[in-house]
Amino acid sequence: MRVAMLLAALTLAACAGGGGAGGGAGRWTELEPESGNDGEVMEIAGTVHRLDVEGGVFVIENSEGTRFNPTNLPDAFRTEGMAVEAQARRRDDVMSIGMVGPMVELLRIRQRADGEPAPRR
């Protein structure tokens, strides 16, 4: 009985710590690569925006105004104005109907701890 109660308490504690988008600010959401792309890993810090282009497309816009078009942005991060940071690889082998910026494949992403959105241009 004690073992079952301890197990239940540990399970609840593990679940309680993971709230919010992608596990909360500071916690990385690791993503499975879609391709065999082994190009250079880039760091992206910016704000998620939904653009009304061809039915809607989500991008990550950095403070310089560059819009990165992720091929695999998780649903938990598809929130207008969410400040995020990610590690990604550029994907020059795919195209998007939106054509709004460089295509990238996210390797991991998290909500930025500072929560401050990058300025929108």
PDB file of N, CA and C in Angstrom:
ATOM      1  N   MET A   1       0.818  -1.192   0.000  1.00  0.00           N
ATOM      2  CA  MET A   1       0.000   0.000   0.000  1.00  0.00           C
ATOM      3  C   MET A   1       0.862   1.255   0.000  1.00  0.00           C
ATOM      4  N   ARG A   2       1.910   1.278   0.834  1.00  0.00           N
ATOM      5  CA  ARG A   2       2.795   2.441   0.888  1.00  0.00           C
ATOM      6  C   ARG A   2       3.489   2.665  -0.444  1.00  0.00           C
ATOM      7  N   VAL A   3       3.873   1.585  -1.081  1.00  0.00           N
ATOM      8  CA  VAL A   3       4.547   1.695  -2.379  1.00  0.00           C
ATOM      9  C   VAL A   3       3.612   2.322  -3.400  1.00  0.00           C
ATOM     10  N   ALA A   4       2.354   1.886  -3.411  1.00  0.00           N
ATOM     11  CA  ALA A   4       1.372   2.437  -4.345  1.00  0.00           C
ATOM     12  C   ALA A   4       1.153   3.922  -4.084  1.00  0.00           C
ATOM     13  N   MET A   5       1.076   4.316  -2.806  1.00  0.00           N
ATOM     14  CA  MET A   5       0.871   5.724  -2.479  1.00  0.00           C
ATOM     15  C   MET A   5       2.090   6.554  -2.874  1.00  0.00           C
ATOM     16  N   LEU A   6       3.282   6.033  -2.646  1.00  0.00           N
ATOM     17  CA  LEU A   6       4.502   6.735  -3.022  1.00  0.00           C
ATOM     18  C   LEU A   6       4.574   6.892  -4.534  1.00  0.00           C
ATOM     19  N   LEU A   7       4.241   5.844  -5.255  1.00  0.00           N
ATOM     20  CA  LEU A   7       4.232   5.884  -6.713  1.00  0.00           C
ATOM     21  C   LEU A   7       3.237   6.915  -7.228  1.00  0.00           C
ATOM     22  N   ALA A   8       2.056   6.953  -6.643  1.00  0.00           N
ATOM     23  CA  ALA A   8       1.039   7.926  -7.043  1.00  0.00           C
ATOM     24  C   ALA A   8       1.514   9.349  -6.772  1.00  0.00           C
ATOM     25  N   ALA A   9       2.141   9.575  -5.622  1.00  0.00           N
ATOM     26  CA  ALA A   9       2.637  10.906  -5.277  1.00  0.00           C
ATOM     27  C   ALA A   9       3.731  11.347  -6.237  1.00  0.00           C
ATOM     28  N   LEU A  10       4.637  10.462  -6.589  1.00  0.00           N
ATOM     29  CA  LEU A  10       5.702  10.786  -7.540  1.00  0.00           C
ATOM     30  C   LEU A  10       5.143  11.097  -8.919  1.00  0.00           C
ATOM     31  N   THR A  11       4.140  10.343  -9.338  1.00  0.00           N
ATOM     32  CA  THR A  11       3.514  10.575 -10.644  1.00  0.00           C
ATOM     33  C   THR A  11       2.840  11.938 -10.668  1.00  0.00           C
ATOM     34  N   LEU A  12       2.107  12.274  -9.615  1.00  0.00           N
ATOM     35  CA  LEU A  12       1.450  13.581  -9.551  1.00  0.00           C
ATOM     36  C   LEU A  12       2.464  14.712  -9.535  1.00  0.00           C
ATOM     37  N   ALA A  13       3.539  14.552  -8.820  1.00  0.00           N
ATOM     38  CA  ALA A  13       4.567  15.588  -8.755  1.00  0.00           C
ATOM     39  C   ALA A  13       5.211  15.796 -10.119  1.00  0.00           C
ATOM     40  N   ALA A  14       5.452  14.720 -10.846  1.00  0.00           N
ATOM     41  CA  ALA A  14       6.053  14.827 -12.176  1.00  0.00           C
ATOM     42  C   ALA A  14       5.111  15.523 -13.136  1.00  0.00           C
ATOM     43  N   CYS A  15       3.834  15.224 -13.071  1.00  0.00           N
ATOM     44  CA  CYS A  15       2.847  15.853 -13.952  1.00  0.00           C
ATOM     45  C   CYS A  15       2.657  17.319 -13.608  1.00  0.00           C
ATOM     46  N   ALA A  16       2.661  17.670 -12.352  1.00  0.00           N
ATOM     47  CA  ALA A  16       2.422  19.051 -11.932  1.00  0.00           C
ATOM     48  C   ALA A  16       3.534  19.978 -12.376  1.00  0.00           C
ATOM     49  N   GLY A  17       4.735  19.480 -12.510  1.00  0.00           N
ATOM     50  CA  GLY A  17       5.851  20.336 -12.898  1.00  0.00           C
ATOM     51  C   GLY A  17       5.912  20.650 -14.363  1.00  0.00           C
ATOM     52  N   GLY A  18       5.072  20.069 -15.187  1.00  0.00           N
ATOM     53  CA  GLY A  18       5.208  20.253 -16.621  1.00  0.00           C
ATOM     54  C   GLY A  18       4.150  21.102 -17.257  1.00  0.00           C
ATOM     55  N   GLY A  19       3.452  21.957 -16.522  1.00  0.00           N
ATOM     56  CA  GLY A  19       2.358  22.733 -17.098  1.00  0.00           C
ATOM     57  C   GLY A  19       2.820  23.745 -18.122  1.00  0.00           C
ATOM     58  N   GLY A  20       1.860  24.306 -18.863  1.00  0.00           N
ATOM     59  CA  GLY A  20       2.154  25.352 -19.833  1.00  0.00           C
ATOM     60  C   GLY A  20       2.581  24.795 -21.163  1.00  0.00           C
ATOM     61  N   ALA A  21       2.813  25.702 -22.117  1.00  0.00           N
ATOM     62  CA  ALA A  21       3.185  25.312 -23.467  1.00  0.00           C
ATOM     63  C   ALA A  21       4.528  24.624 -23.465  1.00  0.00           C
ATOM     64  N   GLY A  22       4.568  23.447 -24.021  1.00  0.00           N
ATOM     65  CA  GLY A  22       5.816  22.726 -24.157  1.00  0.00           C
ATOM     66  C   GLY A  22       6.505  22.448 -22.846  1.00  0.00           C
ATOM     67  N   GLY A  23       5.801  22.419 -21.749  1.00  0.00           N
ATOM     68  CA  GLY A  23       6.415  22.116 -20.471  1.00  0.00           C
ATOM     69  C   GLY A  23       6.752  23.348 -19.662  1.00  0.00           C
ATOM     70  N   GLY A  24       6.369  24.520 -20.129  1.00  0.00           N
ATOM     71  CA  GLY A  24       6.594  25.736 -19.357  1.00  0.00           C
ATOM     72  C   GLY A  24       7.880  26.430 -19.732  1.00  0.00           C
ATOM     73  N   ALA A  25       8.010  27.668 -19.306  1.00  0.00           N
ATOM     74  CA  ALA A  25       9.192  28.460 -19.593  1.00  0.00           C
ATOM     75  C   ALA A  25      10.416  27.768 -19.034  1.00  0.00           C
ATOM     76  N   GLY A  26      11.465  27.747 -19.817  1.00  0.00           N
ATOM     77  CA  GLY A  26      12.712  27.158 -19.386  1.00  0.00           C
ATOM     78  C   GLY A  26      12.877  25.694 -19.728  1.00  0.00           C
ATOM     79  N   ARG A  27      11.783  24.986 -19.992  1.00  0.00           N
ATOM     80  CA  ARG A  27      11.878  23.560 -20.308  1.00  0.00           C
ATOM     81  C   ARG A  27      11.847  23.366 -21.816  1.00  0.00           C
ATOM     82  N   TRP A  28      12.835  22.667 -22.325  1.00  0.00           N
ATOM     83  CA  TRP A  28      12.924  22.407 -23.757  1.00  0.00           C
ATOM     84  C   TRP A  28      11.934  21.332 -24.172  1.00  0.00           C
ATOM     85  N   THR A  29      11.308  21.528 -25.305  1.00  0.00           N
ATOM     86  CA  THR A  29      10.544  20.493 -25.978  1.00  0.00           C
ATOM     87  C   THR A  29      11.431  19.972 -27.094  1.00  0.00           C
ATOM     88  N   GLU A  30      11.873  18.742 -26.958  1.00  0.00           N
ATOM     89  CA  GLU A  30      12.745  18.117 -27.956  1.00  0.00           C
ATOM     90  C   GLU A  30      11.880  17.582 -29.093  1.00  0.00           C
ATOM     91  N   LEU A  31      12.316  17.798 -30.330  1.00  0.00           N
ATOM     92  CA  LEU A  31      11.545  17.375 -31.493  1.00  0.00           C
ATOM     93  C   LEU A  31      12.338  16.372 -32.317  1.00  0.00           C
ATOM     94  N   GLU A  32      11.627  15.418 -32.882  1.00  0.00           N
ATOM     95  CA  GLU A  32      12.256  14.425 -33.750  1.00  0.00           C
ATOM     96  C   GLU A  32      12.521  15.056 -35.108  1.00  0.00           C
ATOM     97  N   PRO A  33      13.741  14.943 -35.617  1.00  0.00           N
ATOM     98  CA  PRO A  33      14.024  15.487 -36.947  1.00  0.00           C
ATOM     99  C   PRO A  33      13.154  14.807 -38.007  1.00  0.00           C
ATOM    100  N   GLU A  34      12.666  15.607 -38.943  1.00  0.00           N
ATOM    101  CA  GLU A  34      11.854  15.083 -40.041  1.00  0.00           C
ATOM    102  C   GLU A  34      12.724  14.626 -41.193  1.00  0.00           C
ATOM    103  N   SER A  35      13.947  15.105 -41.224  1.00  0.00           N
ATOM    104  CA  SER A  35      14.820  14.841 -42.364  1.00  0.00           C
ATOM    105  C   SER A  35      16.167  14.343 -41.873  1.00  0.00           C
ATOM    106  N   GLY A  36      16.993  13.978 -42.810  1.00  0.00           N
ATOM    107  CA  GLY A  36      18.364  13.592 -42.503  1.00  0.00           C
ATOM    108  C   GLY A  36      19.294  14.790 -42.548  1.00  0.00           C
ATOM    109  N   ASN A  37      18.728  15.984 -42.491  1.00  0.00           N
ATOM    110  CA  ASN A  37      19.490  17.220 -42.578  1.00  0.00           C
ATOM    111  C   ASN A  37      20.477  17.286 -41.416  1.00  0.00           C
ATOM    112  N   ASP A  38      21.747  17.424 -41.742  1.00  0.00           N
ATOM    113  CA  ASP A  38      22.750  17.532 -40.691  1.00  0.00           C
ATOM    114  C   ASP A  38      23.515  18.843 -40.813  1.00  0.00           C
ATOM    115  N   GLY A  39      22.831  19.866 -41.341  1.00  0.00           N
ATOM    116  CA  GLY A  39      23.439  21.185 -41.476  1.00  0.00           C
ATOM    117  C   GLY A  39      23.693  21.841 -40.140  1.00  0.00           C
ATOM    118  N   GLU A  40      24.248  23.034 -40.212  1.00  0.00           N
ATOM    119  CA  GLU A  40      24.606  23.781 -39.014  1.00  0.00           C
ATOM    120  C   GLU A  40      23.364  24.145 -38.199  1.00  0.00           C
ATOM    121  N   VAL A  41      23.488  23.999 -36.890  1.00  0.00           N
ATOM    122  CA  VAL A  41      22.396  24.344 -35.975  1.00  0.00           C
ATOM    123  C   VAL A  41      22.432  25.844 -35.715  1.00  0.00           C
ATOM    124  N   MET A  42      21.266  26.482 -35.833  1.00  0.00           N
ATOM    125  CA  MET A  42      21.158  27.919 -35.577  1.00  0.00           C
ATOM    126  C   MET A  42      20.285  28.165 -34.365  1.00  0.00           C
ATOM    127  N   GLU A  43      20.564  29.255 -33.682  1.00  0.00           N
ATOM    128  CA  GLU A  43      19.769  29.668 -32.522  1.00  0.00           C
ATOM    129  C   GLU A  43      18.783  30.736 -33.000  1.00  0.00           C
ATOM    130  N   ILE A  44      17.522  30.598 -32.614  1.00  0.00           N
ATOM    131  CA  ILE A  44      16.492  31.574 -32.956  1.00  0.00           C
ATOM    132  C   ILE A  44      15.831  32.029 -31.666  1.00  0.00           C
ATOM    133  N   ALA A  45      15.762  33.327 -31.463  1.00  0.00           N
ATOM    134  CA  ALA A  45      15.014  33.903 -30.345  1.00  0.00           C
ATOM    135  C   ALA A  45      14.064  34.913 -30.951  1.00  0.00           C
ATOM    136  N   GLY A  46      12.784  34.759 -30.667  1.00  0.00           N
ATOM    137  CA  GLY A  46      11.823  35.673 -31.256  1.00  0.00           C
ATOM    138  C   GLY A  46      10.429  35.449 -30.714  1.00  0.00           C
ATOM    139  N   THR A  47       9.476  35.901 -31.507  1.00  0.00           N
ATOM    140  CA  THR A  47       8.073  35.859 -31.116  1.00  0.00           C
ATOM    141  C   THR A  47       7.276  35.118 -32.174  1.00  0.00           C
ATOM    142  N   VAL A  48       6.375  34.269 -31.740  1.00  0.00           N
ATOM    143  CA  VAL A  48       5.513  33.530 -32.659  1.00  0.00           C
ATOM    144  C   VAL A  48       4.411  34.464 -33.147  1.00  0.00           C
ATOM    145  N   HIS A  49       4.201  34.454 -34.449  1.00  0.00           N
ATOM    146  CA  HIS A  49       3.118  35.231 -35.049  1.00  0.00           C
ATOM    147  C   HIS A  49       2.379  34.361 -36.052  1.00  0.00           C
ATOM    148  N   ARG A  50       1.069  34.582 -36.142  1.00  0.00           N
ATOM    149  CA  ARG A  50       0.260  33.922 -37.175  1.00  0.00           C
ATOM    150  C   ARG A  50      -0.010  34.967 -38.241  1.00  0.00           C
ATOM    151  N   LEU A  51       0.432  34.658 -39.450  1.00  0.00           N
ATOM    152  CA  LEU A  51       0.222  35.555 -40.573  1.00  0.00           C
ATOM    153  C   LEU A  51      -0.955  35.055 -41.397  1.00  0.00           C
ATOM    154  N   ASP A  52      -1.779  35.971 -41.858  1.00  0.00           N
ATOM    155  CA  ASP A  52      -2.922  35.610 -42.693  1.00  0.00           C
ATOM    156  C   ASP A  52      -2.480  35.502 -44.146  1.00  0.00           C
ATOM    157  N   VAL A  53      -1.661  34.511 -44.416  1.00  0.00           N
ATOM    158  CA  VAL A  53      -1.158  34.250 -45.760  1.00  0.00           C
ATOM    159  C   VAL A  53      -1.602  32.848 -46.144  1.00  0.00           C
ATOM    160  N   GLU A  54      -2.294  32.722 -47.251  1.00  0.00           N
ATOM    161  CA  GLU A  54      -2.704  31.413 -47.767  1.00  0.00           C
ATOM    162  C   GLU A  54      -3.343  30.534 -46.697  1.00  0.00           C
ATOM    163  N   GLY A  55      -4.287  31.078 -45.967  1.00  0.00           N
ATOM    164  CA  GLY A  55      -4.991  30.302 -44.955  1.00  0.00           C
ATOM    165  C   GLY A  55      -4.360  30.343 -43.581  1.00  0.00           C
ATOM    166  N   GLY A  56      -3.240  31.009 -43.454  1.00  0.00           N
ATOM    167  CA  GLY A  56      -2.587  31.164 -42.157  1.00  0.00           C
ATOM    168  C   GLY A  56      -1.304  30.360 -42.058  1.00  0.00           C
ATOM    169  N   VAL A  57      -0.270  31.011 -41.584  1.00  0.00           N
ATOM    170  CA  VAL A  57       1.016  30.362 -41.375  1.00  0.00           C
ATOM    171  C   VAL A  57       1.637  30.941 -40.105  1.00  0.00           C
ATOM    172  N   PHE A  58       2.262  30.072 -39.307  1.00  0.00           N
ATOM    173  CA  PHE A  58       2.940  30.516 -38.095  1.00  0.00           C
ATOM    174  C   PHE A  58       4.418  30.697 -38.389  1.00  0.00           C
ATOM    175  N   VAL A  59       4.964  31.799 -37.895  1.00  0.00           N
ATOM    176  CA  VAL A  59       6.378  32.095 -38.057  1.00  0.00           C
ATOM    177  C   VAL A  59       6.956  32.476 -36.702  1.00  0.00           C
ATOM    178  N   ILE A  60       8.286  32.445 -36.625  1.00  0.00           N
ATOM    179  CA  ILE A  60       9.003  32.995 -35.479  1.00  0.00           C
ATOM    180  C   ILE A  60       9.765  34.192 -36.009  1.00  0.00           C
ATOM    181  N   GLU A  61       9.424  35.382 -35.502  1.00  0.00           N
ATOM    182  CA  GLU A  61      10.058  36.615 -35.969  1.00  0.00           C
ATOM    183  C   GLU A  61      11.054  37.094 -34.926  1.00  0.00           C
ATOM    184  N   ASN A  62      12.302  37.308 -35.362  1.00  0.00           N
ATOM    185  CA  ASN A  62      13.311  37.772 -34.408  1.00  0.00           C
ATOM    186  C   ASN A  62      13.319  39.295 -34.328  1.00  0.00           C
ATOM    187  N   SER A  63      14.169  39.853 -33.480  1.00  0.00           N
ATOM    188  CA  SER A  63      14.174  41.296 -33.234  1.00  0.00           C
ATOM    189  C   SER A  63      14.638  42.101 -34.448  1.00  0.00           C
ATOM    190  N   GLU A  64      15.321  41.454 -35.398  1.00  0.00           N
ATOM    191  CA  GLU A  64      15.750  42.143 -36.613  1.00  0.00           C
ATOM    192  C   GLU A  64      14.667  42.122 -37.693  1.00  0.00           C
ATOM    193  N   GLY A  65      13.560  41.420 -37.425  1.00  0.00           N
ATOM    194  CA  GLY A  65      12.466  41.355 -38.390  1.00  0.00           C
ATOM    195  C   GLY A  65      12.510  40.160 -39.317  1.00  0.00           C
ATOM    196  N   THR A  66      13.491  39.268 -39.148  1.00  0.00           N
ATOM    197  CA  THR A  66      13.545  38.055 -39.964  1.00  0.00           C
ATOM    198  C   THR A  66      12.477  37.097 -39.488  1.00  0.00           C
ATOM    199  N   ARG A  67      11.708  36.587 -40.419  1.00  0.00           N
ATOM    200  CA  ARG A  67      10.650  35.625 -40.107  1.00  0.00           C
ATOM    201  C   ARG A  67      11.122  34.239 -40.534  1.00  0.00           C
ATOM    202  N   PHE A  68      11.197  33.346 -39.573  1.00  0.00           N
ATOM    203  CA  PHE A  68      11.563  31.958 -39.839  1.00  0.00           C
ATOM    204  C   PHE A  68      10.283  31.146 -39.913  1.00  0.00           C
ATOM    205  N   ASN A  69      10.176  30.321 -40.936  1.00  0.00           N
ATOM    206  CA  ASN A  69       8.979  29.515 -41.171  1.00  0.00           C
ATOM    207  C   ASN A  69       9.279  28.075 -40.763  1.00  0.00           C
ATOM    208  N   PRO A  70       8.906  27.672 -39.531  1.00  0.00           N
ATOM    209  CA  PRO A  70       9.214  26.317 -39.069  1.00  0.00           C
ATOM    210  C   PRO A  70       8.320  25.272 -39.730  1.00  0.00           C
ATOM    211  N   THR A  71       8.924  24.175 -40.127  1.00  0.00           N
ATOM    212  CA  THR A  71       8.178  23.074 -40.744  1.00  0.00           C
ATOM    213  C   THR A  71       7.449  22.246 -39.699  1.00  0.00           C
ATOM    214  N   ASN A  72       7.850  22.363 -38.447  1.00  0.00           N
ATOM    215  CA  ASN A  72       7.338  21.460 -37.410  1.00  0.00           C
ATOM    216  C   ASN A  72       7.072  22.169 -36.086  1.00  0.00           C
ATOM    217  N   LEU A  73       6.455  23.338 -36.128  1.00  0.00           N
ATOM    218  CA  LEU A  73       6.133  24.058 -34.895  1.00  0.00           C
ATOM    219  C   LEU A  73       5.040  23.302 -34.145  1.00  0.00           C
ATOM    220  N   PRO A  74       5.319  22.838 -32.916  1.00  0.00           N
ATOM    221  CA  PRO A  74       4.298  22.102 -32.156  1.00  0.00           C
ATOM    222  C   PRO A  74       3.074  22.968 -31.857  1.00  0.00           C
ATOM    223  N   ASP A  75       1.919  22.335 -31.775  1.00  0.00           N
ATOM    224  CA  ASP A  75       0.666  23.035 -31.489  1.00  0.00           C
ATOM    225  C   ASP A  75       0.750  23.869 -30.212  1.00  0.00           C
ATOM    226  N   ALA A  76       1.465  23.374 -29.208  1.00  0.00           N
ATOM    227  CA  ALA A  76       1.557  24.077 -27.925  1.00  0.00           C
ATOM    228  C   ALA A  76       2.234  25.437 -28.062  1.00  0.00           C
ATOM    229  N   PHE A  77       2.940  25.671 -29.171  1.00  0.00           N
ATOM    230  CA  PHE A  77       3.650  26.932 -29.378  1.00  0.00           C
ATOM    231  C   PHE A  77       2.982  27.799 -30.438  1.00  0.00           C
ATOM    232  N   ARG A  78       1.847  27.391 -30.935  1.00  0.00           N
ATOM    233  CA  ARG A  78       1.125  28.161 -31.959  1.00  0.00           C
ATOM    234  C   ARG A  78       0.220  29.184 -31.278  1.00  0.00           C
ATOM    235  N   THR A  79       0.864  30.103 -30.559  1.00  0.00           N
ATOM    236  CA  THR A  79       0.161  31.127 -29.800  1.00  0.00           C
ATOM    237  C   THR A  79       0.708  32.491 -30.196  1.00  0.00           C
ATOM    238  N   GLU A  80      -0.151  33.349 -30.709  1.00  0.00           N
ATOM    239  CA  GLU A  80       0.249  34.691 -31.120  1.00  0.00           C
ATOM    240  C   GLU A  80       0.921  35.421 -29.962  1.00  0.00           C
ATOM    241  N   GLY A  81       2.120  35.952 -30.242  1.00  0.00           N
ATOM    242  CA  GLY A  81       2.838  36.752 -29.257  1.00  0.00           C
ATOM    243  C   GLY A  81       3.694  35.980 -28.284  1.00  0.00           C
ATOM    244  N   MET A  82       3.712  34.642 -28.370  1.00  0.00           N
ATOM    245  CA  MET A  82       4.525  33.858 -27.442  1.00  0.00           C
ATOM    246  C   MET A  82       6.015  34.080 -27.736  1.00  0.00           C
ATOM    247  N   ALA A  83       6.763  34.447 -26.711  1.00  0.00           N
ATOM    248  CA  ALA A  83       8.208  34.626 -26.824  1.00  0.00           C
ATOM    249  C   ALA A  83       8.872  33.257 -26.693  1.00  0.00           C
ATOM    250  N   VAL A  84       9.683  32.884 -27.692  1.00  0.00           N
ATOM    251  CA  VAL A  84      10.300  31.568 -27.709  1.00  0.00           C
ATOM    252  C   VAL A  84      11.776  31.666 -28.071  1.00  0.00           C
ATOM    253  N   GLU A  85      12.462  30.604 -27.789  1.00  0.00           N
ATOM    254  CA  GLU A  85      13.810  30.402 -28.315  1.00  0.00           C
ATOM    255  C   GLU A  85      13.871  28.975 -28.809  1.00  0.00           C
ATOM    256  N   ALA A  86      14.666  28.769 -29.859  1.00  0.00           N
ATOM    257  CA  ALA A  86      14.710  27.458 -30.489  1.00  0.00           C
ATOM    258  C   ALA A  86      16.080  27.207 -31.082  1.00  0.00           C
ATOM    259  N   GLN A  87      16.336  25.934 -31.296  1.00  0.00           N
ATOM    260  CA  GLN A  87      17.481  25.513 -32.084  1.00  0.00           C
ATOM    261  C   GLN A  87      16.896  24.863 -33.324  1.00  0.00           C
ATOM    262  N   ALA A  88      17.462  25.210 -34.478  1.00  0.00           N
ATOM    263  CA  ALA A  88      16.893  24.756 -35.739  1.00  0.00           C
ATOM    264  C   ALA A  88      17.973  24.573 -36.788  1.00  0.00           C
ATOM    265  N   ARG A  89      17.584  23.914 -37.861  1.00  0.00           N
ATOM    266  CA  ARG A  89      18.433  23.789 -39.043  1.00  0.00           C
ATOM    267  C   ARG A  89      17.669  24.356 -40.229  1.00  0.00           C
ATOM    268  N   ARG A  90      18.352  25.099 -41.056  1.00  0.00           N
ATOM    269  CA  ARG A  90      17.732  25.657 -42.256  1.00  0.00           C
ATOM    270  C   ARG A  90      17.372  24.527 -43.212  1.00  0.00           C
ATOM    271  N   ARG A  91      16.231  24.656 -43.876  1.00  0.00           N
ATOM    272  CA  ARG A  91      15.754  23.656 -44.839  1.00  0.00           C
ATOM    273  C   ARG A  91      15.584  24.309 -46.201  1.00  0.00           C
ATOM    274  N   ASP A  92      16.616  24.248 -47.010  1.00  0.00           N
ATOM    275  CA  ASP A  92      16.548  24.798 -48.364  1.00  0.00           C
ATOM    276  C   ASP A  92      15.952  23.808 -49.348  1.00  0.00           C
ATOM    277  N   ASP A  93      15.639  22.601 -48.874  1.00  0.00           N
ATOM    278  CA  ASP A  93      15.096  21.559 -49.751  1.00  0.00           C
ATOM    279  C   ASP A  93      13.572  21.508 -49.734  1.00  0.00           C
ATOM    280  N   VAL A  94      12.917  22.394 -48.986  1.00  0.00           N
ATOM    281  CA  VAL A  94      11.455  22.432 -48.929  1.00  0.00           C
ATOM    282  C   VAL A  94      10.981  23.864 -49.165  1.00  0.00           C
ATOM    283  N   MET A  95       9.722  23.961 -49.573  1.00  0.00           N
ATOM    284  CA  MET A  95       9.126  25.279 -49.817  1.00  0.00           C
ATOM    285  C   MET A  95       7.798  25.355 -49.089  1.00  0.00           C
ATOM    286  N   SER A  96       7.334  26.594 -48.910  1.00  0.00           N
ATOM    287  CA  SER A  96       6.047  26.831 -48.277  1.00  0.00           C
ATOM    288  C   SER A  96       5.209  27.705 -49.197  1.00  0.00           C
ATOM    289  N   ILE A  97       3.918  27.469 -49.185  1.00  0.00           N
ATOM    290  CA  ILE A  97       3.029  28.290 -49.986  1.00  0.00           C
ATOM    291  C   ILE A  97       3.012  29.734 -49.483  1.00  0.00           C
ATOM    292  N   GLY A  98       3.345  29.928 -48.196  1.00  0.00           N
ATOM    293  CA  GLY A  98       3.361  31.262 -47.612  1.00  0.00           C
ATOM    294  C   GLY A  98       4.537  32.110 -48.064  1.00  0.00           C
ATOM    295  N   MET A  99       5.676  31.501 -48.331  1.00  0.00           N
ATOM    296  CA  MET A  99       6.889  32.194 -48.788  1.00  0.00           C
ATOM    297  C   MET A  99       7.168  33.459 -47.967  1.00  0.00           C
ATOM    298  N   VAL A 100       7.284  33.315 -46.654  1.00  0.00           N
ATOM    299  CA  VAL A 100       7.456  34.467 -45.774  1.00  0.00           C
ATOM    300  C   VAL A 100       8.846  34.564 -45.147  1.00  0.00           C
ATOM    301  N   GLY A 101       9.685  33.584 -45.375  1.00  0.00           N
ATOM    302  CA  GLY A 101      11.020  33.625 -44.792  1.00  0.00           C
ATOM    303  C   GLY A 101      11.694  32.275 -44.927  1.00  0.00           C
ATOM    304  N   PRO A 102      12.911  32.167 -44.418  1.00  0.00           N
ATOM    305  CA  PRO A 102      13.637  30.907 -44.515  1.00  0.00           C
ATOM    306  C   PRO A 102      12.887  29.768 -43.812  1.00  0.00           C
ATOM    307  N   MET A 103      12.832  28.627 -44.467  1.00  0.00           N
ATOM    308  CA  MET A 103      12.247  27.427 -43.869  1.00  0.00           C
ATOM    309  C   MET A 103      13.267  26.837 -42.902  1.00  0.00           C
ATOM    310  N   VAL A 104      12.791  26.444 -41.719  1.00  0.00           N
ATOM    311  CA  VAL A 104      13.663  25.816 -40.732  1.00  0.00           C
ATOM    312  C   VAL A 104      12.966  24.608 -40.136  1.00  0.00           C
ATOM    313  N   GLU A 105      13.763  23.640 -39.738  1.00  0.00           N
ATOM    314  CA  GLU A 105      13.278  22.470 -39.010  1.00  0.00           C
ATOM    315  C   GLU A 105      13.725  22.642 -37.567  1.00  0.00           C
ATOM    316  N   LEU A 106      12.766  22.713 -36.653  1.00  0.00           N
ATOM    317  CA  LEU A 106      13.089  22.900 -35.244  1.00  0.00           C
ATOM    318  C   LEU A 106      13.618  21.603 -34.644  1.00  0.00           C
ATOM    319  N   LEU A 107      14.683  21.715 -33.870  1.00  0.00           N
ATOM    320  CA  LEU A 107      15.251  20.577 -33.154  1.00  0.00           C
ATOM    321  C   LEU A 107      14.749  20.551 -31.719  1.00  0.00           C
ATOM    322  N   ARG A 108      14.616  21.749 -31.147  1.00  0.00           N
ATOM    323  CA  ARG A 108      14.026  21.903 -29.827  1.00  0.00           C
ATOM    324  C   ARG A 108      13.583  23.350 -29.678  1.00  0.00           C
ATOM    325  N   ILE A 109      12.596  23.546 -28.794  1.00  0.00           N
ATOM    326  CA  ILE A 109      12.008  24.865 -28.610  1.00  0.00           C
ATOM    327  C   ILE A 109      11.518  24.988 -27.169  1.00  0.00           C
ATOM    328  N   ARG A 110      11.514  26.219 -26.662  1.00  0.00           N
ATOM    329  CA  ARG A 110      10.950  26.481 -25.346  1.00  0.00           C
ATOM    330  C   ARG A 110      10.458  27.917 -25.293  1.00  0.00           C
ATOM    331  N   GLN A 111       9.530  28.144 -24.377  1.00  0.00           N
ATOM    332  CA  GLN A 111       9.060  29.495 -24.134  1.00  0.00           C
ATOM    333  C   GLN A 111      10.178  30.228 -23.412  1.00  0.00           C
ATOM    334  N   ARG A 112      10.458  31.463 -23.836  1.00  0.00           N
ATOM    335  CA  ARG A 112      11.535  32.211 -23.209  1.00  0.00           C
ATOM    336  C   ARG A 112      11.184  32.550 -21.780  1.00  0.00           C
ATOM    337  N   ALA A 113      12.148  32.388 -20.902  1.00  0.00           N
ATOM    338  CA  ALA A 113      11.951  32.636 -19.478  1.00  0.00           C
ATOM    339  C   ALA A 113      11.600  34.084 -19.199  1.00  0.00           C
ATOM    340  N   ASP A 114      12.166  35.021 -19.993  1.00  0.00           N
ATOM    341  CA  ASP A 114      11.870  36.438 -19.747  1.00  0.00           C
ATOM    342  C   ASP A 114      10.466  36.798 -20.202  1.00  0.00           C
ATOM    343  N   GLY A 115       9.889  35.973 -21.089  1.00  0.00           N
ATOM    344  CA  GLY A 115       8.526  36.188 -21.539  1.00  0.00           C
ATOM    345  C   GLY A 115       8.328  37.431 -22.383  1.00  0.00           C
ATOM    346  N   GLU A 116       9.401  38.158 -22.632  1.00  0.00           N
ATOM    347  CA  GLU A 116       9.276  39.392 -23.403  1.00  0.00           C
ATOM    348  C   GLU A 116       9.239  39.094 -24.895  1.00  0.00           C
ATOM    349  N   PRO A 117       8.183  39.540 -25.564  1.00  0.00           N
ATOM    350  CA  PRO A 117       8.131  39.343 -27.005  1.00  0.00           C
ATOM    351  C   PRO A 117       9.138  40.249 -27.702  1.00  0.00           C
ATOM    352  N   ALA A 118       9.677  39.750 -28.795  1.00  0.00           N
ATOM    353  CA  ALA A 118      10.560  40.591 -29.615  1.00  0.00           C
ATOM    354  C   ALA A 118       9.694  41.652 -30.271  1.00  0.00           C
ATOM    355  N   PRO A 119      10.219  42.857 -30.484  1.00  0.00           N
ATOM    356  CA  PRO A 119       9.413  43.909 -31.091  1.00  0.00           C
ATOM    357  C   PRO A 119       8.934  43.504 -32.484  1.00  0.00           C
ATOM    358  N   ARG A 120       7.689  43.825 -32.788  1.00  0.00           N
ATOM    359  CA  ARG A 120       7.113  43.509 -34.096  1.00  0.00           C
ATOM    360  C   ARG A 120       7.358  44.684 -35.025  1.00  0.00           C
ATOM    361  N   ARG A 121       7.833  44.385 -36.220  1.00  0.00           N
ATOM    362  CA  ARG A 121       8.113  45.438 -37.210  1.00  0.00           C
ATOM    363  C   ARG A 121       6.964  45.630 -38.131  1.00  0.00           C
TER     364      ARG A 121
END
